[in-house]
């Protein structure tokens, strides 16, 4: 069975972001896809040390939630990142986790795992936060699942989110598209194999030219 992990970057486990993710989970269950929600917000997660020891260890040198998410992502077929909007950006704890997670995953098999970002806000800053989250997937060879609008819900409380009919509809369509992509990629891998990934070139200009 295919599996999707969902990261809740909100410090409120049952808040607005959770309401958006729950709407997606309903569809994943209908599509026969297993899900697991991992609570990130509210956890003590420090930023990346840029020590590069993960290249030798095969994990982050700081042994916390990052390594747990890392192992689960490697086994999963897709990942949804959900975050509230704080000053036009995702939650800081979530960003610290993502920086370390994706840095430690360089050179591992995450190619063609499907990604999706979801943001919740009361009013503004949503598109800026959405853009930040999407770049993690795009730099890692993980295709983004689309929906029928930007992947966001509005509201100050979970009850407000449940009144955002278009936002919830966007979550459902996103989950359907993500499920479809996961199934298609699995069929395509069996029939054609995944595209070749070149990794030889690395722009660093060490020759000073």
N, C-alpha and C. Protein backbone atom coordinates (compact mmCIF):
# COMPACT_ATOMS: atom_id res chain seq x y z
N UNK A 1 0.84 -1.20 0.00
CA UNK A 1 0.00 0.00 0.00
C UNK A 1 0.88 1.25 0.00
N UNK A 2 0.50 2.22 -0.82
CA UNK A 2 1.23 3.48 -0.86
C UNK A 2 1.01 4.25 0.44
N UNK A 3 1.98 5.11 0.77
CA UNK A 3 1.88 5.86 2.01
C UNK A 3 2.32 7.30 1.82
N UNK A 4 1.62 8.22 2.49
CA UNK A 4 1.95 9.64 2.50
C UNK A 4 2.13 10.06 3.95
N UNK A 5 3.22 10.77 4.24
CA UNK A 5 3.39 11.36 5.56
C UNK A 5 3.03 12.83 5.49
N UNK A 6 2.41 13.33 6.53
CA UNK A 6 1.96 14.72 6.58
C UNK A 6 2.59 15.39 7.79
N UNK A 7 3.32 16.47 7.57
CA UNK A 7 3.96 17.22 8.65
C UNK A 7 3.07 18.37 9.07
N UNK A 8 2.73 18.43 10.33
CA UNK A 8 1.95 19.55 10.86
C UNK A 8 2.91 20.52 11.53
N UNK A 9 3.19 21.62 10.86
CA UNK A 9 4.13 22.60 11.37
C UNK A 9 3.54 23.56 12.38
N UNK A 10 2.26 23.44 12.66
CA UNK A 10 1.63 24.35 13.61
C UNK A 10 1.89 23.91 15.04
N UNK A 11 2.12 24.85 15.97
CA UNK A 11 2.26 24.47 17.38
C UNK A 11 0.95 24.00 17.99
N UNK A 12 -0.14 24.14 17.26
CA UNK A 12 -1.46 23.69 17.72
C UNK A 12 -1.83 22.41 16.98
N UNK A 13 -1.71 21.25 17.62
CA UNK A 13 -1.95 19.98 16.94
C UNK A 13 -3.35 19.84 16.35
N UNK A 14 -4.31 20.57 16.92
CA UNK A 14 -5.69 20.48 16.44
C UNK A 14 -6.17 21.82 15.90
N UNK A 15 -5.25 22.62 15.37
CA UNK A 15 -5.59 23.94 14.89
C UNK A 15 -6.01 23.98 13.43
N UNK A 16 -5.83 25.13 12.82
CA UNK A 16 -6.27 25.36 11.45
C UNK A 16 -5.51 24.51 10.44
N UNK A 17 -4.21 24.37 10.62
CA UNK A 17 -3.42 23.55 9.71
C UNK A 17 -3.87 22.10 9.78
N UNK A 18 -4.12 21.62 10.98
CA UNK A 18 -4.59 20.24 11.16
C UNK A 18 -5.93 20.03 10.47
N UNK A 19 -6.79 21.03 10.49
CA UNK A 19 -8.08 20.91 9.83
C UNK A 19 -7.91 20.74 8.32
N UNK A 20 -6.96 21.47 7.75
CA UNK A 20 -6.68 21.34 6.31
C UNK A 20 -6.13 19.96 5.99
N UNK A 21 -5.19 19.49 6.80
CA UNK A 21 -4.60 18.18 6.57
C UNK A 21 -5.64 17.07 6.73
N UNK A 22 -6.55 17.23 7.69
CA UNK A 22 -7.59 16.22 7.92
C UNK A 22 -8.49 16.07 6.70
N UNK A 23 -8.74 17.17 6.02
CA UNK A 23 -9.57 17.11 4.81
C UNK A 23 -8.88 16.30 3.73
N UNK A 24 -7.56 16.41 3.64
CA UNK A 24 -6.80 15.61 2.68
C UNK A 24 -6.79 14.13 3.08
N UNK A 25 -6.66 13.88 4.37
CA UNK A 25 -6.59 12.49 4.84
C UNK A 25 -7.85 11.72 4.48
N UNK A 26 -9.00 12.37 4.54
CA UNK A 26 -10.26 11.71 4.15
C UNK A 26 -10.16 11.16 2.73
N UNK A 27 -9.60 11.96 1.83
CA UNK A 27 -9.49 11.54 0.43
C UNK A 27 -8.44 10.46 0.27
N UNK A 28 -7.31 10.60 0.95
CA UNK A 28 -6.27 9.57 0.87
C UNK A 28 -6.84 8.21 1.30
N UNK A 29 -7.64 8.21 2.35
CA UNK A 29 -8.23 6.96 2.81
C UNK A 29 -9.16 6.37 1.75
N UNK A 30 -9.93 7.23 1.08
CA UNK A 30 -10.82 6.77 0.01
C UNK A 30 -10.02 6.19 -1.16
N UNK A 31 -8.82 6.73 -1.36
CA UNK A 31 -7.97 6.29 -2.47
C UNK A 31 -7.09 5.10 -2.11
N UNK A 32 -7.24 4.61 -0.88
CA UNK A 32 -6.46 3.45 -0.46
C UNK A 32 -5.01 3.76 -0.15
N UNK A 33 -4.74 4.99 0.27
CA UNK A 33 -3.38 5.41 0.60
C UNK A 33 -3.25 5.60 2.11
N UNK A 34 -2.27 4.96 2.68
CA UNK A 34 -2.01 5.05 4.12
C UNK A 34 -1.44 6.43 4.45
N UNK A 35 -1.77 6.95 5.60
CA UNK A 35 -1.27 8.26 6.02
C UNK A 35 -0.72 8.21 7.43
N UNK A 36 0.19 9.13 7.71
CA UNK A 36 0.71 9.32 9.07
C UNK A 36 1.00 10.79 9.27
N UNK A 37 0.41 11.37 10.31
CA UNK A 37 0.65 12.77 10.65
C UNK A 37 1.78 12.84 11.66
N UNK A 38 2.76 13.69 11.38
CA UNK A 38 3.89 13.90 12.29
C UNK A 38 3.82 15.33 12.81
N UNK A 39 3.71 15.48 14.12
CA UNK A 39 3.62 16.80 14.73
C UNK A 39 4.99 17.43 14.84
N UNK A 40 5.20 18.53 14.13
CA UNK A 40 6.49 19.24 14.13
C UNK A 40 6.42 20.51 14.98
N UNK A 41 5.36 21.27 14.81
CA UNK A 41 5.21 22.51 15.57
C UNK A 41 5.18 22.25 17.07
N UNK A 42 5.88 23.08 17.81
CA UNK A 42 5.94 22.92 19.25
C UNK A 42 7.10 22.06 19.72
N UNK A 43 7.83 21.47 18.79
CA UNK A 43 8.98 20.64 19.16
C UNK A 43 10.24 21.50 19.21
N UNK A 44 11.21 21.06 19.99
CA UNK A 44 12.47 21.80 20.12
C UNK A 44 13.42 21.35 19.01
N UNK A 45 13.42 22.07 17.90
CA UNK A 45 14.22 21.69 16.74
C UNK A 45 15.15 22.84 16.38
N UNK A 46 16.44 22.60 16.49
CA UNK A 46 17.41 23.66 16.19
C UNK A 46 17.74 23.66 14.70
N UNK A 47 18.36 24.73 14.26
CA UNK A 47 18.71 24.86 12.86
C UNK A 47 19.90 24.03 12.45
N UNK A 48 20.17 24.02 11.13
CA UNK A 48 21.28 23.26 10.56
C UNK A 48 22.62 23.85 10.99
N UNK A 49 23.59 22.97 11.31
CA UNK A 49 24.93 23.39 11.69
C UNK A 49 25.85 23.57 10.48
N UNK A 50 25.39 23.11 9.33
CA UNK A 50 26.20 23.13 8.10
C UNK A 50 27.55 22.44 8.32
N UNK A 51 27.52 21.33 9.06
CA UNK A 51 28.76 20.59 9.34
C UNK A 51 29.02 19.50 8.31
N UNK A 52 28.00 19.17 7.52
CA UNK A 52 28.09 18.15 6.45
C UNK A 52 28.39 16.75 6.96
N UNK A 53 28.27 16.51 8.25
CA UNK A 53 28.54 15.18 8.78
C UNK A 53 27.47 14.18 8.36
N UNK A 54 26.30 14.69 7.95
CA UNK A 54 25.23 13.80 7.48
C UNK A 54 25.67 13.03 6.24
N UNK A 55 26.60 13.59 5.46
CA UNK A 55 27.08 12.91 4.26
C UNK A 55 27.79 11.61 4.61
N UNK A 56 28.46 11.58 5.77
CA UNK A 56 29.17 10.38 6.20
C UNK A 56 28.30 9.47 7.09
N UNK A 57 27.45 10.12 7.90
CA UNK A 57 26.65 9.36 8.86
C UNK A 57 25.40 8.74 8.23
N UNK A 58 24.91 9.35 7.16
CA UNK A 58 23.65 8.89 6.59
C UNK A 58 22.45 9.36 7.40
N UNK A 59 22.66 10.34 8.23
CA UNK A 59 21.61 10.95 9.05
C UNK A 59 22.16 12.26 9.58
N UNK A 60 21.27 13.08 10.15
CA UNK A 60 21.72 14.33 10.76
C UNK A 60 22.49 14.04 12.05
N UNK A 61 23.53 14.81 12.28
CA UNK A 61 24.35 14.61 13.48
C UNK A 61 23.56 14.91 14.75
N UNK A 62 22.54 15.77 14.66
CA UNK A 62 21.65 16.05 15.79
C UNK A 62 20.53 15.02 15.73
N UNK A 63 20.54 14.09 16.65
CA UNK A 63 19.60 12.97 16.57
C UNK A 63 18.27 13.31 17.25
N UNK A 64 17.37 13.91 16.47
CA UNK A 64 16.07 14.28 17.00
C UNK A 64 14.99 13.92 15.98
N UNK A 65 13.90 14.66 15.96
CA UNK A 65 12.77 14.37 15.07
C UNK A 65 13.17 14.36 13.60
N UNK A 66 14.19 15.12 13.24
CA UNK A 66 14.63 15.19 11.85
C UNK A 66 14.97 13.79 11.32
N UNK A 67 15.71 13.03 12.08
CA UNK A 67 16.10 11.69 11.62
C UNK A 67 14.92 10.74 11.55
N UNK A 68 13.95 10.94 12.43
CA UNK A 68 12.73 10.13 12.38
C UNK A 68 11.96 10.41 11.10
N UNK A 69 11.80 11.69 10.77
CA UNK A 69 11.10 12.06 9.54
C UNK A 69 11.89 11.59 8.32
N UNK A 70 13.20 11.68 8.41
CA UNK A 70 14.06 11.27 7.29
C UNK A 70 13.82 9.81 6.92
N UNK A 71 13.82 8.93 7.91
CA UNK A 71 13.64 7.51 7.64
C UNK A 71 12.24 7.23 7.11
N UNK A 72 11.25 7.95 7.61
CA UNK A 72 9.87 7.73 7.17
C UNK A 72 9.65 8.25 5.75
N UNK A 73 10.30 9.36 5.40
CA UNK A 73 10.16 9.88 4.05
C UNK A 73 10.79 8.93 3.03
N UNK A 74 11.91 8.34 3.38
CA UNK A 74 12.58 7.41 2.47
C UNK A 74 11.71 6.19 2.17
N UNK A 75 10.83 5.84 3.10
CA UNK A 75 9.95 4.69 2.92
C UNK A 75 8.62 5.09 2.29
N UNK A 76 8.27 6.37 2.34
CA UNK A 76 6.96 6.83 1.86
C UNK A 76 6.98 7.11 0.36
N UNK A 77 5.78 7.30 -0.17
CA UNK A 77 5.62 7.62 -1.59
C UNK A 77 5.36 9.11 -1.81
N UNK A 78 5.10 9.83 -0.74
CA UNK A 78 4.86 11.25 -0.85
C UNK A 78 4.83 11.92 0.50
N UNK A 79 4.91 13.26 0.49
CA UNK A 79 4.90 14.01 1.74
C UNK A 79 4.14 15.31 1.55
N UNK A 80 3.32 15.63 2.54
CA UNK A 80 2.60 16.90 2.59
C UNK A 80 3.19 17.72 3.74
N UNK A 81 3.55 18.95 3.45
CA UNK A 81 4.04 19.87 4.48
C UNK A 81 2.96 20.89 4.76
N UNK A 82 2.49 20.94 6.00
CA UNK A 82 1.47 21.92 6.37
C UNK A 82 2.02 22.91 7.38
N UNK A 83 1.70 24.18 7.19
CA UNK A 83 2.22 25.20 8.11
C UNK A 83 1.27 26.38 8.23
N UNK A 84 1.21 26.97 9.43
CA UNK A 84 0.55 28.27 9.55
C UNK A 84 1.46 29.35 8.98
N UNK A 85 0.91 30.52 8.78
CA UNK A 85 1.69 31.65 8.27
C UNK A 85 2.07 32.55 9.44
N UNK A 86 3.38 32.70 9.66
CA UNK A 86 3.91 33.60 10.68
C UNK A 86 4.69 34.71 9.98
N UNK A 87 4.16 35.91 9.97
CA UNK A 87 4.82 37.04 9.34
C UNK A 87 5.21 36.72 7.89
N UNK A 88 4.29 36.16 7.16
CA UNK A 88 4.51 35.89 5.74
C UNK A 88 5.43 34.73 5.46
N UNK A 89 5.66 33.86 6.46
CA UNK A 89 6.59 32.75 6.29
C UNK A 89 6.09 31.55 7.09
N UNK A 90 6.57 30.33 6.78
CA UNK A 90 6.21 29.17 7.59
C UNK A 90 6.77 29.26 9.00
N UNK A 91 6.28 28.40 9.87
CA UNK A 91 6.74 28.33 11.26
C UNK A 91 8.24 28.03 11.31
N UNK A 92 8.96 28.69 12.21
CA UNK A 92 10.41 28.54 12.31
C UNK A 92 10.88 27.14 12.65
N UNK A 93 10.17 26.46 13.52
CA UNK A 93 10.54 25.09 13.87
C UNK A 93 10.46 24.18 12.64
N UNK A 94 9.42 24.38 11.85
CA UNK A 94 9.26 23.59 10.63
C UNK A 94 10.39 23.87 9.65
N UNK A 95 10.76 25.12 9.49
CA UNK A 95 11.84 25.47 8.57
C UNK A 95 13.17 24.87 9.03
N UNK A 96 13.42 24.88 10.34
CA UNK A 96 14.65 24.26 10.84
C UNK A 96 14.67 22.78 10.51
N UNK A 97 13.54 22.11 10.69
CA UNK A 97 13.46 20.69 10.36
C UNK A 97 13.69 20.46 8.87
N UNK A 98 13.05 21.25 8.04
CA UNK A 98 13.16 21.05 6.59
C UNK A 98 14.57 21.32 6.08
N UNK A 99 15.22 22.35 6.60
CA UNK A 99 16.60 22.63 6.20
C UNK A 99 17.49 21.42 6.47
N UNK A 100 17.40 20.90 7.66
CA UNK A 100 18.25 19.76 8.03
C UNK A 100 17.82 18.48 7.33
N UNK A 101 16.52 18.30 7.18
CA UNK A 101 16.00 17.10 6.53
C UNK A 101 16.48 17.00 5.09
N UNK A 102 16.26 18.04 4.32
CA UNK A 102 16.60 17.97 2.90
C UNK A 102 18.11 18.01 2.67
N UNK A 103 18.84 18.69 3.55
CA UNK A 103 20.30 18.68 3.41
C UNK A 103 20.85 17.28 3.66
N UNK A 104 20.29 16.60 4.67
CA UNK A 104 20.77 15.26 5.00
C UNK A 104 20.31 14.21 3.99
N UNK A 105 19.33 14.57 3.16
CA UNK A 105 18.79 13.64 2.17
C UNK A 105 19.51 13.72 0.82
N UNK A 106 20.43 14.67 0.67
CA UNK A 106 21.12 14.81 -0.61
C UNK A 106 21.85 13.52 -0.95
N UNK A 107 21.62 13.05 -2.19
CA UNK A 107 22.25 11.83 -2.65
C UNK A 107 21.47 10.57 -2.32
N UNK A 108 20.29 10.71 -1.67
CA UNK A 108 19.46 9.56 -1.35
C UNK A 108 18.33 9.43 -2.37
N UNK A 109 17.63 8.31 -2.32
CA UNK A 109 16.58 8.02 -3.29
C UNK A 109 15.25 8.64 -2.88
N UNK A 110 15.06 9.91 -3.21
CA UNK A 110 13.77 10.57 -2.99
C UNK A 110 13.19 11.05 -4.31
N UNK A 111 13.87 10.73 -5.40
CA UNK A 111 13.47 11.13 -6.74
C UNK A 111 12.07 10.61 -7.06
N UNK A 112 11.19 11.50 -7.51
CA UNK A 112 9.83 11.21 -7.94
C UNK A 112 8.87 10.89 -6.80
N UNK A 113 9.27 11.08 -5.55
CA UNK A 113 8.30 11.05 -4.47
C UNK A 113 7.46 12.32 -4.59
N UNK A 114 6.17 12.21 -4.45
CA UNK A 114 5.28 13.35 -4.70
C UNK A 114 5.20 14.25 -3.47
N UNK A 115 5.31 15.55 -3.68
CA UNK A 115 5.24 16.51 -2.59
C UNK A 115 4.08 17.48 -2.75
N UNK A 116 3.64 18.02 -1.63
CA UNK A 116 2.59 19.05 -1.64
C UNK A 116 2.74 19.91 -0.40
N UNK A 117 2.51 21.20 -0.56
CA UNK A 117 2.57 22.15 0.55
C UNK A 117 1.18 22.72 0.80
N UNK A 118 0.87 22.93 2.07
CA UNK A 118 -0.42 23.48 2.48
C UNK A 118 -0.16 24.56 3.53
N UNK A 119 -0.78 25.70 3.39
CA UNK A 119 -0.62 26.76 4.39
C UNK A 119 -1.99 27.22 4.88
N UNK A 120 -2.02 27.67 6.12
CA UNK A 120 -3.24 28.23 6.70
C UNK A 120 -2.92 29.62 7.24
N UNK A 121 -3.84 30.52 7.03
CA UNK A 121 -3.63 31.89 7.51
C UNK A 121 -4.99 32.51 7.86
N UNK A 122 -4.92 33.54 8.66
CA UNK A 122 -6.15 34.28 8.95
C UNK A 122 -6.54 35.12 7.76
N UNK A 123 -5.50 35.78 7.15
CA UNK A 123 -5.84 36.71 6.06
C UNK A 123 -4.76 36.77 4.98
N UNK A 124 -3.50 37.12 5.33
CA UNK A 124 -2.48 37.35 4.32
C UNK A 124 -1.19 36.61 4.61
N UNK A 125 -0.22 36.77 3.69
CA UNK A 125 1.08 36.14 3.82
C UNK A 125 1.12 34.71 3.32
N UNK A 126 -0.01 34.24 2.80
CA UNK A 126 -0.11 32.83 2.43
C UNK A 126 0.74 32.45 1.22
N UNK A 127 0.71 33.25 0.17
CA UNK A 127 1.45 32.88 -1.04
C UNK A 127 2.95 32.91 -0.81
N UNK A 128 3.43 33.82 0.03
CA UNK A 128 4.86 33.88 0.33
C UNK A 128 5.30 32.63 1.08
N UNK A 129 4.52 32.20 2.07
CA UNK A 129 4.85 30.99 2.83
C UNK A 129 4.75 29.76 1.94
N UNK A 130 3.76 29.72 1.08
CA UNK A 130 3.55 28.61 0.15
C UNK A 130 4.76 28.46 -0.77
N UNK A 131 5.28 29.56 -1.24
CA UNK A 131 6.44 29.54 -2.15
C UNK A 131 7.68 29.00 -1.44
N UNK A 132 7.89 29.37 -0.20
CA UNK A 132 9.05 28.89 0.56
C UNK A 132 9.01 27.37 0.67
N UNK A 133 7.87 26.81 1.02
CA UNK A 133 7.76 25.37 1.23
C UNK A 133 7.94 24.59 -0.07
N UNK A 134 7.40 25.11 -1.15
CA UNK A 134 7.50 24.39 -2.43
C UNK A 134 8.94 24.22 -2.89
N UNK A 135 9.81 25.15 -2.55
CA UNK A 135 11.19 25.10 -3.04
C UNK A 135 11.97 23.92 -2.47
N UNK A 136 11.58 23.42 -1.33
CA UNK A 136 12.25 22.23 -0.78
C UNK A 136 12.04 21.04 -1.72
N UNK A 137 10.81 20.87 -2.17
CA UNK A 137 10.51 19.75 -3.07
C UNK A 137 11.19 19.91 -4.42
N UNK A 138 11.12 21.12 -4.97
CA UNK A 138 11.64 21.34 -6.32
C UNK A 138 13.14 21.13 -6.40
N UNK A 139 13.84 21.44 -5.32
CA UNK A 139 15.30 21.27 -5.33
C UNK A 139 15.70 19.83 -5.07
N UNK A 140 14.73 18.98 -4.74
CA UNK A 140 15.03 17.59 -4.36
C UNK A 140 14.54 16.58 -5.39
N UNK A 141 14.06 17.06 -6.54
CA UNK A 141 13.57 16.14 -7.55
C UNK A 141 12.23 15.52 -7.21
N UNK A 142 11.48 16.18 -6.34
CA UNK A 142 10.16 15.68 -5.93
C UNK A 142 9.08 16.50 -6.63
N UNK A 143 8.31 15.90 -7.54
CA UNK A 143 7.29 16.64 -8.28
C UNK A 143 6.17 17.13 -7.37
N UNK A 144 5.70 18.34 -7.64
CA UNK A 144 4.64 18.94 -6.85
C UNK A 144 3.27 18.54 -7.38
N UNK A 145 2.39 18.16 -6.48
CA UNK A 145 1.01 17.88 -6.86
C UNK A 145 0.24 19.20 -6.94
N UNK A 146 -0.59 19.37 -7.97
CA UNK A 146 -1.38 20.60 -8.12
C UNK A 146 -2.78 20.43 -7.56
N UNK A 147 -3.48 21.53 -7.43
CA UNK A 147 -4.89 21.49 -7.09
C UNK A 147 -5.62 22.47 -8.00
N UNK A 148 -6.77 22.95 -7.57
CA UNK A 148 -7.56 23.88 -8.38
C UNK A 148 -7.36 25.33 -7.97
N UNK A 149 -6.52 25.56 -6.98
CA UNK A 149 -6.15 26.92 -6.56
C UNK A 149 -4.92 26.78 -5.69
N UNK A 150 -4.39 27.88 -5.16
CA UNK A 150 -3.29 27.79 -4.22
C UNK A 150 -3.72 26.93 -3.04
N UNK A 151 -2.78 26.11 -2.54
CA UNK A 151 -3.11 25.16 -1.47
C UNK A 151 -3.14 25.87 -0.12
N UNK A 152 -4.26 26.51 0.17
CA UNK A 152 -4.36 27.27 1.41
C UNK A 152 -5.79 27.32 1.92
N UNK A 153 -5.89 27.46 3.23
CA UNK A 153 -7.19 27.67 3.86
C UNK A 153 -7.10 28.94 4.70
N UNK A 154 -8.25 29.55 4.92
CA UNK A 154 -8.32 30.79 5.71
C UNK A 154 -9.15 30.57 6.97
N UNK A 155 -8.73 31.23 8.04
CA UNK A 155 -9.50 31.18 9.27
C UNK A 155 -8.62 31.42 10.48
N UNK A 156 -9.24 31.93 11.54
CA UNK A 156 -8.52 32.17 12.79
C UNK A 156 -8.63 30.97 13.72
N UNK A 157 -9.67 30.16 13.51
CA UNK A 157 -9.89 28.96 14.31
C UNK A 157 -10.20 27.80 13.37
N UNK A 158 -10.09 26.54 13.86
CA UNK A 158 -10.48 25.40 13.02
C UNK A 158 -11.92 25.49 12.55
N UNK A 159 -12.78 26.07 13.40
CA UNK A 159 -14.18 26.23 13.02
C UNK A 159 -14.31 27.19 11.84
N UNK A 160 -13.46 28.22 11.80
CA UNK A 160 -13.45 29.13 10.65
C UNK A 160 -13.04 28.38 9.38
N UNK A 161 -12.03 27.54 9.51
CA UNK A 161 -11.53 26.78 8.35
C UNK A 161 -12.63 25.91 7.77
N UNK A 162 -13.45 25.32 8.62
CA UNK A 162 -14.53 24.46 8.14
C UNK A 162 -15.60 25.24 7.38
N UNK A 163 -15.59 26.56 7.51
CA UNK A 163 -16.51 27.40 6.74
C UNK A 163 -15.90 27.84 5.40
N UNK A 164 -14.59 27.61 5.24
CA UNK A 164 -13.90 27.99 4.01
C UNK A 164 -14.13 26.89 2.96
N UNK A 165 -15.29 26.94 2.32
CA UNK A 165 -15.70 25.88 1.40
C UNK A 165 -14.71 25.70 0.25
N UNK A 166 -14.23 26.81 -0.30
CA UNK A 166 -13.30 26.70 -1.42
C UNK A 166 -11.95 26.15 -0.96
N UNK A 167 -11.50 26.58 0.21
CA UNK A 167 -10.24 26.08 0.73
C UNK A 167 -10.28 24.58 0.97
N UNK A 168 -11.36 24.09 1.54
CA UNK A 168 -11.50 22.65 1.78
C UNK A 168 -11.60 21.89 0.47
N UNK A 169 -12.30 22.48 -0.48
CA UNK A 169 -12.38 21.86 -1.81
C UNK A 169 -11.00 21.75 -2.44
N UNK A 170 -10.19 22.77 -2.25
CA UNK A 170 -8.81 22.76 -2.76
C UNK A 170 -8.01 21.63 -2.12
N UNK A 171 -8.21 21.41 -0.82
CA UNK A 171 -7.51 20.32 -0.13
C UNK A 171 -7.92 18.97 -0.70
N UNK A 172 -9.21 18.79 -0.95
CA UNK A 172 -9.69 17.50 -1.48
C UNK A 172 -9.15 17.24 -2.88
N UNK A 173 -9.18 18.26 -3.71
CA UNK A 173 -8.64 18.10 -5.07
C UNK A 173 -7.14 17.85 -5.06
N UNK A 174 -6.45 18.49 -4.14
CA UNK A 174 -5.02 18.28 -4.00
C UNK A 174 -4.72 16.82 -3.64
N UNK A 175 -5.47 16.29 -2.69
CA UNK A 175 -5.26 14.90 -2.26
C UNK A 175 -5.57 13.94 -3.41
N UNK A 176 -6.63 14.20 -4.17
CA UNK A 176 -6.96 13.33 -5.30
C UNK A 176 -5.85 13.35 -6.34
N UNK A 177 -5.36 14.54 -6.65
CA UNK A 177 -4.29 14.65 -7.64
C UNK A 177 -3.00 13.99 -7.16
N UNK A 178 -2.73 14.15 -5.88
CA UNK A 178 -1.53 13.54 -5.31
C UNK A 178 -1.62 12.02 -5.34
N UNK A 179 -2.79 11.49 -5.01
CA UNK A 179 -3.00 10.04 -5.06
C UNK A 179 -2.85 9.52 -6.48
N UNK A 180 -3.39 10.26 -7.43
CA UNK A 180 -3.28 9.87 -8.84
C UNK A 180 -1.83 9.85 -9.30
N UNK A 181 -1.08 10.87 -8.93
CA UNK A 181 0.33 10.94 -9.32
C UNK A 181 1.13 9.79 -8.72
N UNK A 182 0.88 9.48 -7.46
CA UNK A 182 1.59 8.38 -6.80
C UNK A 182 1.34 7.07 -7.53
N UNK A 183 0.08 6.83 -7.88
CA UNK A 183 -0.28 5.59 -8.58
C UNK A 183 0.32 5.55 -9.98
N UNK A 184 0.27 6.67 -10.68
CA UNK A 184 0.82 6.74 -12.04
C UNK A 184 2.33 6.55 -12.04
N UNK A 185 3.01 7.17 -11.07
CA UNK A 185 4.47 7.04 -10.99
C UNK A 185 4.87 5.59 -10.69
N UNK A 186 4.07 4.93 -9.86
CA UNK A 186 4.36 3.52 -9.56
C UNK A 186 4.22 2.67 -10.82
N UNK A 187 3.18 2.93 -11.61
CA UNK A 187 2.99 2.20 -12.86
C UNK A 187 4.10 2.54 -13.86
N UNK A 188 4.45 3.83 -13.93
CA UNK A 188 5.48 4.27 -14.86
C UNK A 188 6.85 3.71 -14.51
N UNK A 189 7.15 3.62 -13.23
CA UNK A 189 8.42 3.06 -12.81
C UNK A 189 8.54 1.61 -13.25
N UNK A 190 7.44 0.86 -13.11
CA UNK A 190 7.44 -0.54 -13.50
C UNK A 190 7.55 -0.72 -15.01
N UNK A 191 6.90 0.17 -15.76
CA UNK A 191 6.86 0.02 -17.22
C UNK A 191 8.07 0.64 -17.91
N UNK A 192 8.48 1.83 -17.45
CA UNK A 192 9.55 2.56 -18.14
C UNK A 192 10.82 2.75 -17.31
N UNK A 193 10.67 2.71 -15.98
CA UNK A 193 11.78 3.10 -15.11
C UNK A 193 11.77 4.60 -14.93
N UNK A 194 12.35 5.07 -13.84
CA UNK A 194 12.39 6.51 -13.59
C UNK A 194 13.43 7.17 -14.50
N UNK A 195 13.28 8.47 -14.78
CA UNK A 195 14.26 9.18 -15.60
C UNK A 195 15.65 9.15 -14.96
N UNK A 196 16.65 9.14 -15.80
CA UNK A 196 18.03 9.19 -15.31
C UNK A 196 18.28 10.53 -14.64
N UNK A 197 19.04 10.50 -13.56
CA UNK A 197 19.39 11.72 -12.83
C UNK A 197 20.90 11.91 -12.91
N UNK A 198 21.34 12.99 -13.54
CA UNK A 198 22.76 13.31 -13.62
C UNK A 198 23.19 14.07 -12.36
N UNK A 199 24.31 13.69 -11.79
CA UNK A 199 24.79 14.35 -10.57
C UNK A 199 26.27 14.72 -10.64
N UNK A 200 26.86 14.59 -11.82
CA UNK A 200 28.31 14.79 -11.94
C UNK A 200 28.71 16.24 -11.75
N UNK A 201 27.98 17.15 -12.37
CA UNK A 201 28.39 18.56 -12.37
C UNK A 201 27.99 19.25 -11.07
N UNK A 202 28.90 20.08 -10.58
CA UNK A 202 28.66 20.83 -9.35
C UNK A 202 29.32 22.20 -9.49
N UNK A 203 28.53 23.25 -9.58
CA UNK A 203 29.08 24.59 -9.79
C UNK A 203 29.67 25.11 -8.49
N UNK A 204 30.99 25.29 -8.48
CA UNK A 204 31.63 25.83 -7.28
C UNK A 204 32.78 26.80 -7.61
N UNK A 205 33.25 26.77 -8.87
CA UNK A 205 34.30 27.69 -9.32
C UNK A 205 35.56 27.65 -8.46
N UNK A 206 35.96 26.44 -8.07
CA UNK A 206 37.14 26.32 -7.22
C UNK A 206 38.44 26.66 -7.96
N UNK A 207 38.38 26.69 -9.31
CA UNK A 207 39.57 27.02 -10.05
C UNK A 207 39.78 28.53 -10.14
N UNK A 208 38.82 29.29 -9.61
CA UNK A 208 38.95 30.75 -9.57
C UNK A 208 38.64 31.44 -10.87
N UNK A 209 38.15 30.69 -11.87
CA UNK A 209 37.84 31.29 -13.18
C UNK A 209 36.38 31.70 -13.26
